[in-house]
All heavy atoms as atom14 arrays in JSON, in Angstrom:
{
  "sequence": "TKANIYDLLTWFNANYKRKLIYYAQGERFCIQTLEGTMCAPLGDYIII",
  "atom14_mask": [
    [1, 1, 1, 1, 1, 1, 1, 0, 0, 0, 0, 0, 0, 0],
    [1, 1, 1, 1, 1, 1, 1, 1, 1, 0, 0, 0, 0, 0],
    [1, 1, 1, 1, 1, 0, 0, 0, 0, 0, 0, 0, 0, 0],
    [1, 1, 1, 1, 1, 1, 1, 1, 0, 0, 0, 0, 0, 0],
    [1, 1, 1, 1, 1, 1, 1, 1, 0, 0, 0, 0, 0, 0],
    [1, 1, 1, 1, 1, 1, 1, 1, 1, 1, 1, 1, 0, 0],
    [1, 1, 1, 1, 1, 1, 1, 1, 0, 0, 0, 0, 0, 0],
    [1, 1, 1, 1, 1, 1, 1, 1, 0, 0, 0, 0, 0, 0],
    [1, 1, 1, 1, 1, 1, 1, 1, 0, 0, 0, 0, 0, 0],
    [1, 1, 1, 1, 1, 1, 1, 0, 0, 0, 0, 0, 0, 0],
    [1, 1, 1, 1, 1, 1, 1, 1, 1, 1, 1, 1, 1, 1],
    [1, 1, 1, 1, 1, 1, 1, 1, 1, 1, 1, 0, 0, 0],
    [1, 1, 1, 1, 1, 1, 1, 1, 0, 0, 0, 0, 0, 0],
    [1, 1, 1, 1, 1, 0, 0, 0, 0, 0, 0, 0, 0, 0],
    [1, 1, 1, 1, 1, 1, 1, 1, 0, 0, 0, 0, 0, 0],
    [1, 1, 1, 1, 1, 1, 1, 1, 1, 1, 1, 1, 0, 0],
    [1, 1, 1, 1, 1, 1, 1, 1, 1, 0, 0, 0, 0, 0],
    [1, 1, 1, 1, 1, 1, 1, 1, 1, 1, 1, 0, 0, 0],
    [1, 1, 1, 1, 1, 1, 1, 1, 1, 0, 0, 0, 0, 0],
    [1, 1, 1, 1, 1, 1, 1, 1, 0, 0, 0, 0, 0, 0],
    [1, 1, 1, 1, 1, 1, 1, 1, 0, 0, 0, 0, 0, 0],
    [1, 1, 1, 1, 1, 1, 1, 1, 1, 1, 1, 1, 0, 0],
    [1, 1, 1, 1, 1, 1, 1, 1, 1, 1, 1, 1, 0, 0],
    [1, 1, 1, 1, 1, 0, 0, 0, 0, 0, 0, 0, 0, 0],
    [1, 1, 1, 1, 1, 1, 1, 1, 1, 0, 0, 0, 0, 0],
    [1, 1, 1, 1, 0, 0, 0, 0, 0, 0, 0, 0, 0, 0],
    [1, 1, 1, 1, 1, 1, 1, 1, 1, 0, 0, 0, 0, 0],
    [1, 1, 1, 1, 1, 1, 1, 1, 1, 1, 1, 0, 0, 0],
    [1, 1, 1, 1, 1, 1, 1, 1, 1, 1, 1, 0, 0, 0],
    [1, 1, 1, 1, 1, 1, 0, 0, 0, 0, 0, 0, 0, 0],
    [1, 1, 1, 1, 1, 1, 1, 1, 0, 0, 0, 0, 0, 0],
    [1, 1, 1, 1, 1, 1, 1, 1, 1, 0, 0, 0, 0, 0],
    [1, 1, 1, 1, 1, 1, 1, 0, 0, 0, 0, 0, 0, 0],
    [1, 1, 1, 1, 1, 1, 1, 1, 0, 0, 0, 0, 0, 0],
    [1, 1, 1, 1, 1, 1, 1, 1, 1, 0, 0, 0, 0, 0],
    [1, 1, 1, 1, 0, 0, 0, 0, 0, 0, 0, 0, 0, 0],
    [1, 1, 1, 1, 1, 1, 1, 0, 0, 0, 0, 0, 0, 0],
    [1, 1, 1, 1, 1, 1, 1, 1, 0, 0, 0, 0, 0, 0],
    [1, 1, 1, 1, 1, 1, 0, 0, 0, 0, 0, 0, 0, 0],
    [1, 1, 1, 1, 1, 0, 0, 0, 0, 0, 0, 0, 0, 0],
    [1, 1, 1, 1, 1, 1, 1, 0, 0, 0, 0, 0, 0, 0],
    [1, 1, 1, 1, 1, 1, 1, 1, 0, 0, 0, 0, 0, 0],
    [1, 1, 1, 1, 0, 0, 0, 0, 0, 0, 0, 0, 0, 0],
    [1, 1, 1, 1, 1, 1, 1, 1, 0, 0, 0, 0, 0, 0],
    [1, 1, 1, 1, 1, 1, 1, 1, 1, 1, 1, 1, 0, 0],
    [1, 1, 1, 1, 1, 1, 1, 1, 0, 0, 0, 0, 0, 0],
    [1, 1, 1, 1, 1, 1, 1, 1, 0, 0, 0, 0, 0, 0],
    [1, 1, 1, 1, 1, 1, 1, 1, 0, 0, 0, 0, 0, 0]
  ],
  "atom14_positions": [
    [[7.98, -1.67, -0.03], [7.92, -1.26, 1.38], [9.01, -0.24, 1.66], [9.97, -0.12, 0.9], [8.1, -2.46, 2.33], [9.44, -2.95, 2.19], [7.11, -3.58, 2.04], [0.0, 0.0, 0.0], [0.0, 0.0, 0.0], [0.0, 0.0, 0.0], [0.0, 0.0, 0.0], [0.0, 0.0, 0.0], [0.0, 0.0, 0.0], [0.0, 0.0, 0.0]],
    [[8.88, 0.47, 2.78], [9.94, 1.4, 3.18], [11.25, 0.66, 3.43], [12.32, 1.18, 3.14], [9.53, 2.15, 4.45], [8.73, 3.38, 4.2], [8.6, 4.21, 5.47], [7.78, 5.42, 5.16], [8.43, 6.65, 5.48], [0.0, 0.0, 0.0], [0.0, 0.0, 0.0], [0.0, 0.0, 0.0], [0.0, 0.0, 0.0], [0.0, 0.0, 0.0]],
    [[11.16, -0.54, 3.96], [12.35, -1.31, 4.32], [13.15, -1.77, 3.09], [14.35, -1.96, 3.19], [11.96, -2.52, 5.16], [0.0, 0.0, 0.0], [0.0, 0.0, 0.0], [0.0, 0.0, 0.0], [0.0, 0.0, 0.0], [0.0, 0.0, 0.0], [0.0, 0.0, 0.0], [0.0, 0.0, 0.0], [0.0, 0.0, 0.0], [0.0, 0.0, 0.0]],
    [[12.48, -1.94, 1.93], [13.22, -2.45, 0.77], [13.4, -1.44, -0.35], [13.81, -1.8, -1.45], [12.55, -3.73, 0.24], [11.24, -3.49, -0.46], [10.81, -2.36, -0.68], [10.56, -4.56, -0.82], [0.0, 0.0, 0.0], [0.0, 0.0, 0.0], [0.0, 0.0, 0.0], [0.0, 0.0, 0.0], [0.0, 0.0, 0.0], [0.0, 0.0, 0.0]],
    [[13.14, -0.18, -0.1], [13.18, 0.84, -1.14], [14.49, 0.82, -1.93], [14.49, 0.66, -3.14], [12.95, 2.25, -0.55], [11.48, 2.41, -0.16], [13.36, 3.33, -1.52], [11.18, 3.68, 0.61], [0.0, 0.0, 0.0], [0.0, 0.0, 0.0], [0.0, 0.0, 0.0], [0.0, 0.0, 0.0], [0.0, 0.0, 0.0], [0.0, 0.0, 0.0]],
    [[15.6, 0.96, -1.27], [16.88, 1.09, -1.99], [17.35, -0.25, -2.54], [17.91, -0.31, -3.63], [17.91, 1.77, -1.11], [17.46, 3.18, -0.78], [16.99, 3.51, 0.48], [17.44, 4.16, -1.77], [16.53, 4.79, 0.76], [16.96, 5.44, -1.51], [16.52, 5.76, -0.23], [16.05, 7.02, 0.04], [0.0, 0.0, 0.0], [0.0, 0.0, 0.0]],
    [[17.12, -1.35, -1.82], [17.48, -2.67, -2.34], [16.65, -2.98, -3.59], [17.16, -3.54, -4.56], [17.26, -3.76, -1.29], [18.28, -3.68, -0.16], [19.37, -3.11, -0.38], [17.98, -4.2, 0.92], [0.0, 0.0, 0.0], [0.0, 0.0, 0.0], [0.0, 0.0, 0.0], [0.0, 0.0, 0.0], [0.0, 0.0, 0.0], [0.0, 0.0, 0.0]],
    [[15.38, -2.63, -3.56], [14.5, -2.87, -4.7], [14.96, -2.07, -5.91], [15.04, -2.59, -7.02], [13.05, -2.5, -4.34], [11.98, -2.69, -5.4], [11.97, -4.11, -5.92], [10.63, -2.3, -4.86], [0.0, 0.0, 0.0], [0.0, 0.0, 0.0], [0.0, 0.0, 0.0], [0.0, 0.0, 0.0], [0.0, 0.0, 0.0], [0.0, 0.0, 0.0]],
    [[15.28, -0.8, -5.72], [15.78, 0.03, -6.82], [17.05, -0.56, -7.43], [17.17, -0.7, -8.64], [16.09, 1.44, -6.32], [14.94, 2.42, -6.28], [15.36, 3.69, -5.56], [14.47, 2.75, -7.68], [0.0, 0.0, 0.0], [0.0, 0.0, 0.0], [0.0, 0.0, 0.0], [0.0, 0.0, 0.0], [0.0, 0.0, 0.0], [0.0, 0.0, 0.0]],
    [[18.0, -0.91, -6.57], [19.27, -1.45, -7.03], [19.07, -2.76, -7.78], [19.59, -2.94, -8.89], [20.22, -1.67, -5.84], [20.4, -0.42, -5.17], [21.56, -2.21, -6.28], [0.0, 0.0, 0.0], [0.0, 0.0, 0.0], [0.0, 0.0, 0.0], [0.0, 0.0, 0.0], [0.0, 0.0, 0.0], [0.0, 0.0, 0.0], [0.0, 0.0, 0.0]],
    [[18.31, -3.68, -7.19], [18.08, -4.99, -7.8], [17.34, -4.86, -9.13], [17.73, -5.43, -10.13], [17.3, -5.88, -6.84], [16.95, -7.2, -7.44], [17.75, -8.3, -7.51], [15.73, -7.54, -8.1], [17.09, -9.31, -8.17], [15.85, -8.87, -8.54], [14.56, -6.85, -8.36], [14.84, -9.52, -9.23], [13.54, -7.5, -9.05], [13.69, -8.82, -9.46]],
    [[16.26, -4.1, -9.13], [15.42, -3.99, -10.32], [16.2, -3.35, -11.46], [16.19, -3.86, -12.58], [14.17, -3.16, -10.0], [13.13, -3.25, -11.08], [12.13, -4.2, -11.01], [13.16, -2.4, -12.16], [11.17, -4.29, -12.0], [12.21, -2.48, -13.16], [11.22, -3.43, -13.08], [0.0, 0.0, 0.0], [0.0, 0.0, 0.0], [0.0, 0.0, 0.0]],
    [[16.88, -2.26, -11.2], [17.58, -1.55, -12.26], [18.78, -2.33, -12.79], [19.21, -2.14, -13.92], [17.97, -0.15, -11.81], [16.76, 0.76, -11.69], [15.75, 0.55, -12.35], [16.85, 1.76, -10.84], [0.0, 0.0, 0.0], [0.0, 0.0, 0.0], [0.0, 0.0, 0.0], [0.0, 0.0, 0.0], [0.0, 0.0, 0.0], [0.0, 0.0, 0.0]],
    [[19.32, -3.25, -12.0], [20.43, -4.1, -12.47], [19.93, -5.28, -13.29], [20.68, -5.83, -14.09], [21.23, -4.61, -11.27], [0.0, 0.0, 0.0], [0.0, 0.0, 0.0], [0.0, 0.0, 0.0], [0.0, 0.0, 0.0], [0.0, 0.0, 0.0], [0.0, 0.0, 0.0], [0.0, 0.0, 0.0], [0.0, 0.0, 0.0], [0.0, 0.0, 0.0]],
    [[18.66, -5.68, -13.11], [18.15, -6.91, -13.73], [17.13, -6.72, -14.85], [16.81, -7.69, -15.54], [17.54, -7.81, -12.65], [18.61, -8.39, -11.76], [19.31, -9.31, -12.15], [18.76, -7.84, -10.57], [0.0, 0.0, 0.0], [0.0, 0.0, 0.0], [0.0, 0.0, 0.0], [0.0, 0.0, 0.0], [0.0, 0.0, 0.0], [0.0, 0.0, 0.0]],
    [[16.59, -5.54, -15.02], [15.54, -5.33, -16.0], [15.83, -4.11, -16.86], [16.36, -3.12, -16.38], [14.17, -5.2, -15.33], [13.76, -6.53, -14.75], [14.06, -6.86, -13.44], [13.15, -7.49, -15.55], [13.74, -8.1, -12.93], [12.83, -8.73, -15.04], [13.13, -9.03, -13.73], [12.83, -10.26, -13.24], [0.0, 0.0, 0.0], [0.0, 0.0, 0.0]],
    [[15.48, -4.21, -18.15], [15.74, -3.12, -19.08], [14.92, -1.88, -18.76], [15.36, -0.77, -18.94], [15.43, -3.58, -20.51], [16.41, -4.6, -21.03], [16.05, -5.04, -22.42], [17.0, -6.14, -22.88], [16.63, -6.69, -24.16], [0.0, 0.0, 0.0], [0.0, 0.0, 0.0], [0.0, 0.0, 0.0], [0.0, 0.0, 0.0], [0.0, 0.0, 0.0]],
    [[13.71, -2.09, -18.29], [12.86, -0.95, -17.94], [13.23, -0.49, -16.53], [13.14, -1.27, -15.59], [11.39, -1.34, -18.01], [10.97, -1.71, -19.41], [9.51, -2.11, -19.42], [9.13, -2.63, -20.7], [8.72, -1.89, -21.72], [8.65, -0.59, -21.59], [8.4, -2.45, -22.86], [0.0, 0.0, 0.0], [0.0, 0.0, 0.0], [0.0, 0.0, 0.0]],
    [[13.64, 0.73, -16.41], [14.13, 1.22, -15.13], [12.99, 1.59, -14.19], [11.95, 2.08, -14.6], [15.04, 2.44, -15.34], [16.28, 2.12, -16.15], [17.14, 1.09, -15.46], [18.4, 0.79, -16.23], [19.06, -0.41, -15.81], [0.0, 0.0, 0.0], [0.0, 0.0, 0.0], [0.0, 0.0, 0.0], [0.0, 0.0, 0.0], [0.0, 0.0, 0.0]],
    [[13.24, 1.35, -12.93], [12.31, 1.7, -11.87], [12.77, 3.03, -11.28], [13.97, 3.22, -11.05], [12.35, 0.61, -10.81], [11.31, 0.61, -9.71], [9.92, 0.39, -10.29], [11.61, -0.48, -8.7], [0.0, 0.0, 0.0], [0.0, 0.0, 0.0], [0.0, 0.0, 0.0], [0.0, 0.0, 0.0], [0.0, 0.0, 0.0], [0.0, 0.0, 0.0]],
    [[11.86, 3.94, -11.07], [12.19, 5.25, -10.5], [11.43, 5.4, -9.19], [10.24, 5.07, -9.11], [11.79, 6.37, -11.47], [12.54, 6.22, -12.79], [12.07, 7.74, -10.86], [12.01, 7.09, -13.9], [0.0, 0.0, 0.0], [0.0, 0.0, 0.0], [0.0, 0.0, 0.0], [0.0, 0.0, 0.0], [0.0, 0.0, 0.0], [0.0, 0.0, 0.0]],
    [[12.11, 5.9, -8.17], [11.46, 6.11, -6.87], [11.24, 7.6, -6.67], [12.17, 8.4, -6.83], [12.33, 5.55, -5.75], [11.8, 5.88, -4.37], [10.59, 5.36, -3.94], [12.5, 6.71, -3.51], [10.09, 5.65, -2.69], [12.0, 7.01, -2.25], [10.8, 6.48, -1.85], [10.31, 6.78, -0.61], [0.0, 0.0, 0.0], [0.0, 0.0, 0.0]],
    [[10.02, 7.97, -6.34], [9.7, 9.35, -6.01], [9.48, 9.43, -4.5], [8.5, 8.91, -3.98], [8.43, 9.79, -6.75], [8.61, 9.88, -8.24], [8.21, 8.85, -9.08], [9.22, 11.0, -8.81], [8.39, 8.92, -10.45], [9.41, 11.08, -10.19], [8.99, 10.05, -10.99], [9.18, 10.11, -12.35], [0.0, 0.0, 0.0], [0.0, 0.0, 0.0]],
    [[10.42, 10.06, -3.81], [10.33, 10.15, -2.35], [9.08, 10.92, -1.94], [8.41, 10.56, -0.98], [11.59, 10.82, -1.79], [0.0, 0.0, 0.0], [0.0, 0.0, 0.0], [0.0, 0.0, 0.0], [0.0, 0.0, 0.0], [0.0, 0.0, 0.0], [0.0, 0.0, 0.0], [0.0, 0.0, 0.0], [0.0, 0.0, 0.0], [0.0, 0.0, 0.0]],
    [[8.77, 11.97, -2.66], [7.55, 12.71, -2.35], [6.38, 11.88, -2.84], [6.25, 11.6, -4.03], [7.56, 14.08, -3.04], [6.38, 14.93, -2.65], [6.46, 16.32, -3.29], [7.31, 16.57, -4.13], [5.59, 17.19, -2.87], [0.0, 0.0, 0.0], [0.0, 0.0, 0.0], [0.0, 0.0, 0.0], [0.0, 0.0, 0.0], [0.0, 0.0, 0.0]],
    [[5.56, 11.43, -1.93], [4.46, 10.54, -2.28], [4.83, 9.09, -2.12], [4.0, 8.22, -2.24], [0.0, 0.0, 0.0], [0.0, 0.0, 0.0], [0.0, 0.0, 0.0], [0.0, 0.0, 0.0], [0.0, 0.0, 0.0], [0.0, 0.0, 0.0], [0.0, 0.0, 0.0], [0.0, 0.0, 0.0], [0.0, 0.0, 0.0], [0.0, 0.0, 0.0]],
    [[6.1, 8.81, -1.85], [6.62, 7.46, -1.61], [6.03, 6.44, -2.57], [5.24, 5.59, -2.21], [6.4, 7.05, -0.16], [7.16, 7.91, 0.81], [7.03, 7.43, 2.24], [5.92, 7.02, 2.64], [8.04, 7.48, 2.95], [0.0, 0.0, 0.0], [0.0, 0.0, 0.0], [0.0, 0.0, 0.0], [0.0, 0.0, 0.0], [0.0, 0.0, 0.0]],
    [[6.46, 6.51, -3.82], [5.96, 5.56, -4.81], [7.06, 5.25, -5.82], [7.93, 6.06, -6.08], [4.72, 6.08, -5.5], [4.93, 7.3, -6.35], [3.6, 7.88, -6.82], [3.79, 8.86, -7.87], [4.11, 10.13, -7.69], [4.31, 10.58, -6.48], [4.25, 10.94, -8.71], [0.0, 0.0, 0.0], [0.0, 0.0, 0.0], [0.0, 0.0, 0.0]],
    [[6.99, 4.04, -6.36], [7.87, 3.62, -7.43], [7.1, 3.74, -8.73], [5.93, 3.41, -8.8], [8.28, 2.15, -7.25], [9.3, 1.93, -6.18], [8.91, 1.62, -4.89], [10.64, 2.04, -6.47], [9.86, 1.41, -3.91], [11.6, 1.83, -5.49], [11.2, 1.52, -4.21], [0.0, 0.0, 0.0], [0.0, 0.0, 0.0], [0.0, 0.0, 0.0]],
    [[7.76, 4.19, -9.77], [7.13, 4.28, -11.08], [7.99, 3.54, -12.09], [9.21, 3.55, -12.01], [6.94, 5.73, -11.51], [5.78, 6.62, -10.45], [0.0, 0.0, 0.0], [0.0, 0.0, 0.0], [0.0, 0.0, 0.0], [0.0, 0.0, 0.0], [0.0, 0.0, 0.0], [0.0, 0.0, 0.0], [0.0, 0.0, 0.0], [0.0, 0.0, 0.0]],
    [[7.32, 2.9, -13.03], [8.01, 2.11, -14.05], [7.35, 2.35, -15.4], [6.14, 2.53, -15.48], [7.99, 0.61, -13.7], [8.82, -0.17, -14.69], [6.6, 0.07, -13.56], [9.08, -1.59, -14.28], [0.0, 0.0, 0.0], [0.0, 0.0, 0.0], [0.0, 0.0, 0.0], [0.0, 0.0, 0.0], [0.0, 0.0, 0.0], [0.0, 0.0, 0.0]],
    [[8.17, 2.34, -16.43], [7.65, 2.46, -17.79], [7.18, 1.07, -18.21], [7.98, 0.15, -18.3], [8.74, 2.98, -18.72], [8.24, 3.3, -20.11], [7.25, 4.45, -20.12], [7.29, 5.32, -19.29], [6.33, 4.43, -21.07], [0.0, 0.0, 0.0], [0.0, 0.0, 0.0], [0.0, 0.0, 0.0], [0.0, 0.0, 0.0], [0.0, 0.0, 0.0]],
    [[5.88, 0.91, -18.43], [5.31, -0.38, -18.83], [4.9, -0.31, -20.3], [5.02, 0.75, -20.93], [4.07, -0.73, -17.98], [3.0, 0.14, -18.36], [4.35, -0.62, -16.5], [0.0, 0.0, 0.0], [0.0, 0.0, 0.0], [0.0, 0.0, 0.0], [0.0, 0.0, 0.0], [0.0, 0.0, 0.0], [0.0, 0.0, 0.0], [0.0, 0.0, 0.0]],
    [[4.38, -1.41, -20.82], [3.9, -1.42, -22.19], [2.71, -0.48, -22.38], [2.44, -0.02, -23.48], [3.5, -2.85, -22.59], [4.64, -3.87, -22.55], [4.11, -5.27, -22.79], [5.72, -3.52, -23.56], [0.0, 0.0, 0.0], [0.0, 0.0, 0.0], [0.0, 0.0, 0.0], [0.0, 0.0, 0.0], [0.0, 0.0, 0.0], [0.0, 0.0, 0.0]],
    [[2.0, -0.18, -21.3], [0.84, 0.71, -21.36], [1.17, 2.15, -20.96], [0.3, 2.97, -20.84], [-0.28, 0.19, -20.43], [-0.94, -1.07, -20.92], [-0.15, -2.33, -20.56], [0.57, -2.32, -19.55], [-0.23, -3.3, -21.32], [0.0, 0.0, 0.0], [0.0, 0.0, 0.0], [0.0, 0.0, 0.0], [0.0, 0.0, 0.0], [0.0, 0.0, 0.0]],
    [[2.45, 2.44, -20.7], [2.85, 3.78, -20.27], [3.41, 3.73, -18.86], [3.61, 2.66, -18.29], [0.0, 0.0, 0.0], [0.0, 0.0, 0.0], [0.0, 0.0, 0.0], [0.0, 0.0, 0.0], [0.0, 0.0, 0.0], [0.0, 0.0, 0.0], [0.0, 0.0, 0.0], [0.0, 0.0, 0.0], [0.0, 0.0, 0.0], [0.0, 0.0, 0.0]],
    [[3.66, 4.9, -18.28], [4.22, 4.96, -16.93], [3.15, 4.63, -15.91], [2.06, 5.21, -15.93], [4.81, 6.36, -16.65], [5.8, 6.65, -17.63], [5.43, 6.43, -15.26], [0.0, 0.0, 0.0], [0.0, 0.0, 0.0], [0.0, 0.0, 0.0], [0.0, 0.0, 0.0], [0.0, 0.0, 0.0], [0.0, 0.0, 0.0], [0.0, 0.0, 0.0]],
    [[3.46, 3.69, -15.02], [2.53, 3.29, -13.96], [3.28, 3.33, -12.64], [4.48, 3.04, -12.58], [1.98, 1.89, -14.23], [1.23, 1.79, -15.55], [0.63, 0.13, -15.89], [-0.83, 0.11, -14.86], [0.0, 0.0, 0.0], [0.0, 0.0, 0.0], [0.0, 0.0, 0.0], [0.0, 0.0, 0.0], [0.0, 0.0, 0.0], [0.0, 0.0, 0.0]],
    [[2.57, 3.69, -11.57], [3.2, 3.85, -10.26], [2.63, 2.89, -9.23], [1.47, 2.51, -9.3], [3.05, 5.28, -9.77], [3.88, 6.47, -10.84], [0.0, 0.0, 0.0], [0.0, 0.0, 0.0], [0.0, 0.0, 0.0], [0.0, 0.0, 0.0], [0.0, 0.0, 0.0], [0.0, 0.0, 0.0], [0.0, 0.0, 0.0], [0.0, 0.0, 0.0]],
    [[3.48, 2.53, -8.27], [3.08, 1.65, -7.16], [3.45, 2.35, -5.85], [4.63, 2.49, -5.55], [3.81, 0.31, -7.26], [0.0, 0.0, 0.0], [0.0, 0.0, 0.0], [0.0, 0.0, 0.0], [0.0, 0.0, 0.0], [0.0, 0.0, 0.0], [0.0, 0.0, 0.0], [0.0, 0.0, 0.0], [0.0, 0.0, 0.0], [0.0, 0.0, 0.0]],
    [[2.47, 2.8, -5.1], [2.77, 3.37, -3.79], [3.2, 2.28, -2.81], [3.05, 1.09, -3.1], [1.46, 4.02, -3.36], [0.41, 3.53, -4.27], [1.06, 2.87, -5.44], [0.0, 0.0, 0.0], [0.0, 0.0, 0.0], [0.0, 0.0, 0.0], [0.0, 0.0, 0.0], [0.0, 0.0, 0.0], [0.0, 0.0, 0.0], [0.0, 0.0, 0.0]],
    [[3.73, 2.69, -1.68], [4.13, 1.72, -0.65], [2.97, 0.79, -0.34], [1.83, 1.21, -0.25], [4.58, 2.43, 0.61], [5.86, 3.27, 0.51], [6.15, 3.96, 1.84], [7.04, 2.42, 0.08], [0.0, 0.0, 0.0], [0.0, 0.0, 0.0], [0.0, 0.0, 0.0], [0.0, 0.0, 0.0], [0.0, 0.0, 0.0], [0.0, 0.0, 0.0]],
    [[3.27, -0.49, -0.22], [2.25, -1.5, 0.09], [1.77, -2.25, -1.14], [1.31, -3.38, -1.03], [0.0, 0.0, 0.0], [0.0, 0.0, 0.0], [0.0, 0.0, 0.0], [0.0, 0.0, 0.0], [0.0, 0.0, 0.0], [0.0, 0.0, 0.0], [0.0, 0.0, 0.0], [0.0, 0.0, 0.0], [0.0, 0.0, 0.0], [0.0, 0.0, 0.0]],
    [[1.86, -1.63, -2.32], [1.47, -2.31, -3.55], [2.59, -3.24, -3.99], [3.66, -3.27, -3.39], [1.16, -1.3, -4.65], [-0.19, -0.61, -4.44], [-0.9, -0.95, -3.47], [-0.53, 0.27, -5.25], [0.0, 0.0, 0.0], [0.0, 0.0, 0.0], [0.0, 0.0, 0.0], [0.0, 0.0, 0.0], [0.0, 0.0, 0.0], [0.0, 0.0, 0.0]],
    [[2.36, -3.99, -5.05], [3.32, -4.97, -5.55], [3.77, -4.6, -6.96], [3.05, -3.91, -7.69], [2.7, -6.36, -5.59], [2.53, -6.98, -4.24], [1.47, -6.63, -3.41], [3.45, -7.91, -3.77], [1.33, -7.2, -2.16], [3.31, -8.49, -2.51], [2.24, -8.12, -1.72], [2.11, -8.68, -0.47], [0.0, 0.0, 0.0], [0.0, 0.0, 0.0]],
    [[4.93, -5.11, -7.32], [5.39, -5.06, -8.7], [5.49, -6.5, -9.16], [6.11, -7.34, -8.51], [6.76, -4.36, -8.81], [6.61, -2.89, -8.39], [7.3, -4.47, -10.24], [7.9, -2.13, -8.32], [0.0, 0.0, 0.0], [0.0, 0.0, 0.0], [0.0, 0.0, 0.0], [0.0, 0.0, 0.0], [0.0, 0.0, 0.0], [0.0, 0.0, 0.0]],
    [[4.82, -6.79, -10.27], [4.79, -8.13, -10.85], [5.81, -8.18, -11.99], [5.88, -7.27, -12.81], [3.39, -8.45, -11.42], [2.33, -8.44, -10.33], [3.39, -9.77, -12.19], [2.35, -9.61, -9.41], [0.0, 0.0, 0.0], [0.0, 0.0, 0.0], [0.0, 0.0, 0.0], [0.0, 0.0, 0.0], [0.0, 0.0, 0.0], [0.0, 0.0, 0.0]],
    [[6.56, -9.27, -12.04], [7.44, -9.54, -13.17], [6.79, -10.69, -13.93], [6.69, -11.8, -13.42], [8.86, -9.95, -12.72], [9.44, -8.95, -11.71], [9.78, -10.13, -13.93], [9.64, -7.56, -12.21], [0.0, 0.0, 0.0], [0.0, 0.0, 0.0], [0.0, 0.0, 0.0], [0.0, 0.0, 0.0], [0.0, 0.0, 0.0], [0.0, 0.0, 0.0]]
  ]
}
């Protein structure tokens, strides 16, 4: 969500080896997964 963008980045990158990247243009988070780079726009979820 817009409300948790920076907290999510900070928390995720401190706790997981695969880094989460936020692209402000298009407002989406992208992560390197086992299947390649995948993105989650605002409103979608990230599963651990």
